[in-house]
Amino acid sequence: MELAEIEHMLLHALTEESVGAKLDSAKSQQEVYEALKTLPYFTLTLEEFQQGIMALKDQQAEVHEHEQEE
């Protein structure tokens, strides 16, 4: 799966209300992944999930860096 598809699915899943409480109480990436796996459309492997998390973190860092430059 391409990184853009991974990011899209991950963002959609992370904003899913039905797993919100589980995500709020998760203490590790593994617990977040297990909660997201309960969603019928969430088909990412653990490796894809981790790639998506890293890509989102990188994007967030770039935005933060850009904001500081202004």
PDB file of N, CA and C in Angstrom:
ATOM      1  N   MET A   1       0.845  -1.165   0.000  1.00  0.00           N
ATOM      2  CA  MET A   1       0.000   0.000   0.000  1.00  0.00           C
ATOM      3  C   MET A   1       0.898   1.237   0.000  1.00  0.00           C
ATOM      4  N   GLU A   2       0.494   2.255  -0.750  1.00  0.00           N
ATOM      5  CA  GLU A   2       1.288   3.479  -0.823  1.00  0.00           C
ATOM      6  C   GLU A   2       1.130   4.301   0.452  1.00  0.00           C
ATOM      7  N   LEU A   3       2.155   5.088   0.758  1.00  0.00           N
ATOM      8  CA  LEU A   3       2.173   5.854   1.986  1.00  0.00           C
ATOM      9  C   LEU A   3       0.974   6.802   2.089  1.00  0.00           C
ATOM     10  N   ALA A   4       0.574   7.411   0.983  1.00  0.00           N
ATOM     11  CA  ALA A   4      -0.574   8.321   1.008  1.00  0.00           C
ATOM     12  C   ALA A   4      -1.845   7.579   1.416  1.00  0.00           C
ATOM     13  N   GLU A   5      -2.014   6.353   0.941  1.00  0.00           N
ATOM     14  CA  GLU A   5      -3.171   5.539   1.314  1.00  0.00           C
ATOM     15  C   GLU A   5      -3.117   5.154   2.793  1.00  0.00           C
ATOM     16  N   ILE A   6      -1.924   4.832   3.260  1.00  0.00           N
ATOM     17  CA  ILE A   6      -1.731   4.472   4.665  1.00  0.00           C
ATOM     18  C   ILE A   6      -2.109   5.662   5.550  1.00  0.00           C
ATOM     19  N   GLU A   7      -1.591   6.838   5.194  1.00  0.00           N
ATOM     20  CA  GLU A   7      -1.882   8.036   5.975  1.00  0.00           C
ATOM     21  C   GLU A   7      -3.376   8.330   5.995  1.00  0.00           C
ATOM     22  N   HIS A   8      -4.023   8.205   4.846  1.00  0.00           N
ATOM     23  CA  HIS A   8      -5.460   8.482   4.756  1.00  0.00           C
ATOM     24  C   HIS A   8      -6.255   7.545   5.670  1.00  0.00           C
ATOM     25  N   MET A   9      -5.969   6.252   5.581  1.00  0.00           N
ATOM     26  CA  MET A   9      -6.681   5.287   6.406  1.00  0.00           C
ATOM     27  C   MET A   9      -6.403   5.531   7.886  1.00  0.00           C
ATOM     28  N   LEU A  10      -5.160   5.835   8.206  1.00  0.00           N
ATOM     29  CA  LEU A  10      -4.780   6.067   9.591  1.00  0.00           C
ATOM     30  C   LEU A  10      -5.484   7.298  10.157  1.00  0.00           C
ATOM     31  N   LEU A  11      -5.495   8.382   9.407  1.00  0.00           N
ATOM     32  CA  LEU A  11      -6.168   9.599   9.879  1.00  0.00           C
ATOM     33  C   LEU A  11      -7.665   9.361  10.062  1.00  0.00           C
ATOM     34  N   HIS A  12      -8.256   8.646   9.127  1.00  0.00           N
ATOM     35  CA  HIS A  12      -9.675   8.335   9.236  1.00  0.00           C
ATOM     36  C   HIS A  12      -9.952   7.501  10.485  1.00  0.00           C
ATOM     37  N   ALA A  13      -9.139   6.498  10.697  1.00  0.00           N
ATOM     38  CA  ALA A  13      -9.333   5.602  11.840  1.00  0.00           C
ATOM     39  C   ALA A  13      -9.089   6.312  13.171  1.00  0.00           C
ATOM     40  N   LEU A  14      -8.085   7.175  13.214  1.00  0.00           N
ATOM     41  CA  LEU A  14      -7.759   7.871  14.460  1.00  0.00           C
ATOM     42  C   LEU A  14      -8.838   8.864  14.882  1.00  0.00           C
ATOM     43  N   THR A  15      -9.685   9.260  13.938  1.00  0.00           N
ATOM     44  CA  THR A  15     -10.762  10.198  14.271  1.00  0.00           C
ATOM     45  C   THR A  15     -12.106   9.487  14.426  1.00  0.00           C
ATOM     46  N   GLU A  16     -12.097   8.184  14.394  1.00  0.00           N
ATOM     47  CA  GLU A  16     -13.323   7.381  14.533  1.00  0.00           C
ATOM     48  C   GLU A  16     -13.823   7.452  15.979  1.00  0.00           C
ATOM     49  N   GLU A  17     -15.043   7.932  16.147  1.00  0.00           N
ATOM     50  CA  GLU A  17     -15.604   8.079  17.492  1.00  0.00           C
ATOM     51  C   GLU A  17     -15.776   6.750  18.214  1.00  0.00           C
ATOM     52  N   SER A  18     -16.049   5.697  17.472  1.00  0.00           N
ATOM     53  CA  SER A  18     -16.341   4.412  18.112  1.00  0.00           C
ATOM     54  C   SER A  18     -15.147   3.823  18.865  1.00  0.00           C
ATOM     55  N   VAL A  19     -13.935   4.267  18.551  1.00  0.00           N
ATOM     56  CA  VAL A  19     -12.752   3.768  19.259  1.00  0.00           C
ATOM     57  C   VAL A  19     -12.071   4.869  20.071  1.00  0.00           C
ATOM     58  N   GLY A  20     -12.706   6.021  20.160  1.00  0.00           N
ATOM     59  CA  GLY A  20     -12.111   7.161  20.846  1.00  0.00           C
ATOM     60  C   GLY A  20     -11.690   6.881  22.269  1.00  0.00           C
ATOM     61  N   ALA A  21     -12.545   6.224  23.040  1.00  0.00           N
ATOM     62  CA  ALA A  21     -12.213   5.938  24.440  1.00  0.00           C
ATOM     63  C   ALA A  21     -11.010   5.005  24.550  1.00  0.00           C
ATOM     64  N   LYS A  22     -10.956   4.013  23.667  1.00  0.00           N
ATOM     65  CA  LYS A  22      -9.817   3.086  23.687  1.00  0.00           C
ATOM     66  C   LYS A  22      -8.521   3.820  23.330  1.00  0.00           C
ATOM     67  N   LEU A  23      -8.621   4.729  22.367  1.00  0.00           N
ATOM     68  CA  LEU A  23      -7.429   5.475  21.970  1.00  0.00           C
ATOM     69  C   LEU A  23      -6.971   6.400  23.092  1.00  0.00           C
ATOM     70  N   ASP A  24      -7.925   7.018  23.776  1.00  0.00           N
ATOM     71  CA  ASP A  24      -7.582   7.924  24.875  1.00  0.00           C
ATOM     72  C   ASP A  24      -6.862   7.204  26.009  1.00  0.00           C
ATOM     73  N   SER A  25      -7.210   5.951  26.229  1.00  0.00           N
ATOM     74  CA  SER A  25      -6.600   5.215  27.341  1.00  0.00           C
ATOM     75  C   SER A  25      -5.392   4.372  26.911  1.00  0.00           C
ATOM     76  N   ALA A  26      -5.087   4.354  25.625  1.00  0.00           N
ATOM     77  CA  ALA A  26      -3.955   3.557  25.137  1.00  0.00           C
ATOM     78  C   ALA A  26      -2.641   4.120  25.661  1.00  0.00           C
ATOM     79  N   LYS A  27      -1.763   3.236  26.063  1.00  0.00           N
ATOM     80  CA  LYS A  27      -0.479   3.636  26.622  1.00  0.00           C
ATOM     81  C   LYS A  27       0.691   3.310  25.690  1.00  0.00           C
ATOM     82  N   SER A  28       0.404   2.706  24.544  1.00  0.00           N
ATOM     83  CA  SER A  28       1.463   2.352  23.610  1.00  0.00           C
ATOM     84  C   SER A  28       0.907   2.327  22.188  1.00  0.00           C
ATOM     85  N   GLN A  29       1.818   2.349  21.224  1.00  0.00           N
ATOM     86  CA  GLN A  29       1.396   2.224  19.825  1.00  0.00           C
ATOM     87  C   GLN A  29       0.702   0.883  19.597  1.00  0.00           C
ATOM     88  N   GLN A  30       1.162  -0.138  20.276  1.00  0.00           N
ATOM     89  CA  GLN A  30       0.557  -1.466  20.128  1.00  0.00           C
ATOM     90  C   GLN A  30      -0.910  -1.430  20.552  1.00  0.00           C
ATOM     91  N   GLU A  31      -1.218  -0.749  21.660  1.00  0.00           N
ATOM     92  CA  GLU A  31      -2.604  -0.655  22.122  1.00  0.00           C
ATOM     93  C   GLU A  31      -3.454   0.155  21.142  1.00  0.00           C
ATOM     94  N   VAL A  32      -2.878   1.202  20.562  1.00  0.00           N
ATOM     95  CA  VAL A  32      -3.597   1.987  19.550  1.00  0.00           C
ATOM     96  C   VAL A  32      -3.881   1.102  18.348  1.00  0.00           C
ATOM     97  N   TYR A  33      -2.877   0.367  17.908  1.00  0.00           N
ATOM     98  CA  TYR A  33      -3.043  -0.521  16.756  1.00  0.00           C
ATOM     99  C   TYR A  33      -4.126  -1.567  17.019  1.00  0.00           C
ATOM    100  N   GLU A  34      -4.119  -2.161  18.184  1.00  0.00           N
ATOM    101  CA  GLU A  34      -5.132  -3.171  18.523  1.00  0.00           C
ATOM    102  C   GLU A  34      -6.533  -2.562  18.521  1.00  0.00           C
ATOM    103  N   ALA A  35      -6.672  -1.334  19.011  1.00  0.00           N
ATOM    104  CA  ALA A  35      -7.978  -0.669  19.009  1.00  0.00           C
ATOM    105  C   ALA A  35      -8.437  -0.388  17.582  1.00  0.00           C
ATOM    106  N   LEU A  36      -7.524   0.069  16.738  1.00  0.00           N
ATOM    107  CA  LEU A  36      -7.887   0.393  15.358  1.00  0.00           C
ATOM    108  C   LEU A  36      -8.225  -0.862  14.554  1.00  0.00           C
ATOM    109  N   LYS A  37      -7.607  -1.978  14.909  1.00  0.00           N
ATOM    110  CA  LYS A  37      -7.890  -3.231  14.191  1.00  0.00           C
ATOM    111  C   LYS A  37      -9.336  -3.678  14.364  1.00  0.00           C
ATOM    112  N   THR A  38     -10.051  -3.144  15.352  1.00  0.00           N
ATOM    113  CA  THR A  38     -11.450  -3.514  15.542  1.00  0.00           C
ATOM    114  C   THR A  38     -12.358  -2.845  14.511  1.00  0.00           C
ATOM    115  N   LEU A  39     -11.843  -1.843  13.805  1.00  0.00           N
ATOM    116  CA  LEU A  39     -12.629  -1.174  12.770  1.00  0.00           C
ATOM    117  C   LEU A  39     -12.656  -2.048  11.515  1.00  0.00           C
ATOM    118  N   PRO A  40     -13.825  -2.211  10.908  1.00  0.00           N
ATOM    119  CA  PRO A  40     -13.932  -3.128   9.763  1.00  0.00           C
ATOM    120  C   PRO A  40     -13.086  -2.739   8.552  1.00  0.00           C
ATOM    121  N   TYR A  41     -12.826  -1.459   8.357  1.00  0.00           N
ATOM    122  CA  TYR A  41     -12.061  -1.013   7.190  1.00  0.00           C
ATOM    123  C   TYR A  41     -10.563  -0.889   7.452  1.00  0.00           C
ATOM    124  N   PHE A  42     -10.155  -1.053   8.701  1.00  0.00           N
ATOM    125  CA  PHE A  42      -8.741  -0.864   9.042  1.00  0.00           C
ATOM    126  C   PHE A  42      -7.980  -2.138   8.717  1.00  0.00           C
ATOM    127  N   THR A  43      -7.223  -2.100   7.631  1.00  0.00           N
ATOM    128  CA  THR A  43      -6.532  -3.301   7.153  1.00  0.00           C
ATOM    129  C   THR A  43      -5.012  -3.164   7.152  1.00  0.00           C
ATOM    130  N   LEU A  44      -4.512  -2.137   7.820  1.00  0.00           N
ATOM    131  CA  LEU A  44      -3.062  -1.937   7.832  1.00  0.00           C
ATOM    132  C   LEU A  44      -2.367  -3.009   8.655  1.00  0.00           C
ATOM    133  N   THR A  45      -1.211  -3.426   8.174  1.00  0.00           N
ATOM    134  CA  THR A  45      -0.363  -4.297   8.969  1.00  0.00           C
ATOM    135  C   THR A  45       0.305  -3.437  10.039  1.00  0.00           C
ATOM    136  N   LEU A  46       0.909  -4.064  11.025  1.00  0.00           N
ATOM    137  CA  LEU A  46       1.605  -3.310  12.063  1.00  0.00           C
ATOM    138  C   LEU A  46       2.716  -2.463  11.441  1.00  0.00           C
ATOM    139  N   GLU A  47       3.417  -3.011  10.478  1.00  0.00           N
ATOM    140  CA  GLU A  47       4.496  -2.273   9.809  1.00  0.00           C
ATOM    141  C   GLU A  47       3.944  -1.045   9.075  1.00  0.00           C
ATOM    142  N   GLU A  48       2.843  -1.205   8.348  1.00  0.00           N
ATOM    143  CA  GLU A  48       2.228  -0.076   7.653  1.00  0.00           C
ATOM    144  C   GLU A  48       1.745   0.975   8.652  1.00  0.00           C
ATOM    145  N   PHE A  49       1.150   0.517   9.746  1.00  0.00           N
ATOM    146  CA  PHE A  49       0.695   1.417  10.804  1.00  0.00           C
ATOM    147  C   PHE A  49       1.868   2.252  11.320  1.00  0.00           C
ATOM    148  N   GLN A  50       2.988   1.603  11.596  1.00  0.00           N
ATOM    149  CA  GLN A  50       4.161   2.305  12.116  1.00  0.00           C
ATOM    150  C   GLN A  50       4.726   3.284  11.083  1.00  0.00           C
ATOM    151  N   GLN A  51       4.713   2.899   9.800  1.00  0.00           N
ATOM    152  CA  GLN A  51       5.159   3.804   8.735  1.00  0.00           C
ATOM    153  C   GLN A  51       4.265   5.039   8.693  1.00  0.00           C
ATOM    154  N   GLY A  52       2.966   4.820   8.809  1.00  0.00           N
ATOM    155  CA  GLY A  52       2.015   5.921   8.795  1.00  0.00           C
ATOM    156  C   GLY A  52       2.209   6.863   9.962  1.00  0.00           C
ATOM    157  N   ILE A  53       2.427   6.309  11.154  1.00  0.00           N
ATOM    158  CA  ILE A  53       2.662   7.128  12.340  1.00  0.00           C
ATOM    159  C   ILE A  53       3.911   7.985  12.145  1.00  0.00           C
ATOM    160  N   MET A  54       4.977   7.387  11.638  1.00  0.00           N
ATOM    161  CA  MET A  54       6.214   8.138  11.414  1.00  0.00           C
ATOM    162  C   MET A  54       6.004   9.241  10.372  1.00  0.00           C
ATOM    163  N   ALA A  55       5.284   8.955   9.321  1.00  0.00           N
ATOM    164  CA  ALA A  55       5.025   9.956   8.278  1.00  0.00           C
ATOM    165  C   ALA A  55       4.215  11.116   8.843  1.00  0.00           C
ATOM    166  N   LEU A  56       3.218  10.816   9.659  1.00  0.00           N
ATOM    167  CA  LEU A  56       2.414  11.881  10.271  1.00  0.00           C
ATOM    168  C   LEU A  56       3.252  12.714  11.238  1.00  0.00           C
ATOM    169  N   LYS A  57       4.128  12.071  11.985  1.00  0.00           N
ATOM    170  CA  LYS A  57       5.016  12.807  12.897  1.00  0.00           C
ATOM    171  C   LYS A  57       5.948  13.722  12.106  1.00  0.00           C
ATOM    172  N   ASP A  58       6.478  13.213  10.983  1.00  0.00           N
ATOM    173  CA  ASP A  58       7.364  14.018  10.139  1.00  0.00           C
ATOM    174  C   ASP A  58       6.629  15.237   9.586  1.00  0.00           C
ATOM    175  N   GLN A  59       5.389  15.033   9.148  1.00  0.00           N
ATOM    176  CA  GLN A  59       4.589  16.144   8.626  1.00  0.00           C
ATOM    177  C   GLN A  59       4.342  17.179   9.710  1.00  0.00           C
ATOM    178  N   GLN A  60       4.030  16.713  10.900  1.00  0.00           N
ATOM    179  CA  GLN A  60       3.773  17.617  12.019  1.00  0.00           C
ATOM    180  C   GLN A  60       5.033  18.426  12.343  1.00  0.00           C
ATOM    181  N   ALA A  61       6.186  17.787  12.318  1.00  0.00           N
ATOM    182  CA  ALA A  61       7.445  18.474  12.594  1.00  0.00           C
ATOM    183  C   ALA A  61       7.721  19.533  11.530  1.00  0.00           C
ATOM    184  N   GLU A  62       7.431  19.226  10.270  1.00  0.00           N
ATOM    185  CA  GLU A  62       7.637  20.185   9.191  1.00  0.00           C
ATOM    186  C   GLU A  62       6.734  21.402   9.361  1.00  0.00           C
ATOM    187  N   VAL A  63       5.493  21.175   9.731  1.00  0.00           N
ATOM    188  CA  VAL A  63       4.558  22.279   9.944  1.00  0.00           C
ATOM    189  C   VAL A  63       5.033  23.143  11.095  1.00  0.00           C
ATOM    190  N   HIS A  64       5.445  22.500  12.182  1.00  0.00           N
ATOM    191  CA  HIS A  64       5.928  23.235  13.352  1.00  0.00           C
ATOM    192  C   HIS A  64       7.172  24.057  12.994  1.00  0.00           C
ATOM    193  N   GLU A  65       8.069  23.461  12.240  1.00  0.00           N
ATOM    194  CA  GLU A  65       9.296  24.144  11.830  1.00  0.00           C
ATOM    195  C   GLU A  65       8.957  25.350  10.955  1.00  0.00           C
ATOM    196  N   HIS A  66       8.016  25.178  10.048  1.00  0.00           N
ATOM    197  CA  HIS A  66       7.604  26.257   9.158  1.00  0.00           C
ATOM    198  C   HIS A  66       6.958  27.396   9.945  1.00  0.00           C
ATOM    199  N   GLU A  67       6.160  27.063  10.948  1.00  0.00           N
ATOM    200  CA  GLU A  67       5.507  28.072  11.779  1.00  0.00           C
ATOM    201  C   GLU A  67       6.538  28.906  12.537  1.00  0.00           C
ATOM    202  N   GLN A  68       7.621  28.282  12.980  1.00  0.00           N
ATOM    203  CA  GLN A  68       8.649  29.001  13.731  1.00  0.00           C
ATOM    204  C   GLN A  68       9.439  29.952  12.842  1.00  0.00           C
ATOM    205  N   GLU A  69       9.498  29.640  11.539  1.00  0.00           N
ATOM    206  CA  GLU A  69      10.238  30.488  10.598  1.00  0.00           C
ATOM    207  C   GLU A  69       9.490  31.785  10.319  1.00  0.00           C
ATOM    208  N   GLU A  70       8.186  31.782  10.499  1.00  0.00           N
ATOM    209  CA  GLU A  70       7.381  32.962  10.144  1.00  0.00           C
ATOM    210  C   GLU A  70       7.446  34.049  11.162  1.00  0.00           C
TER     211      GLU A  70
END
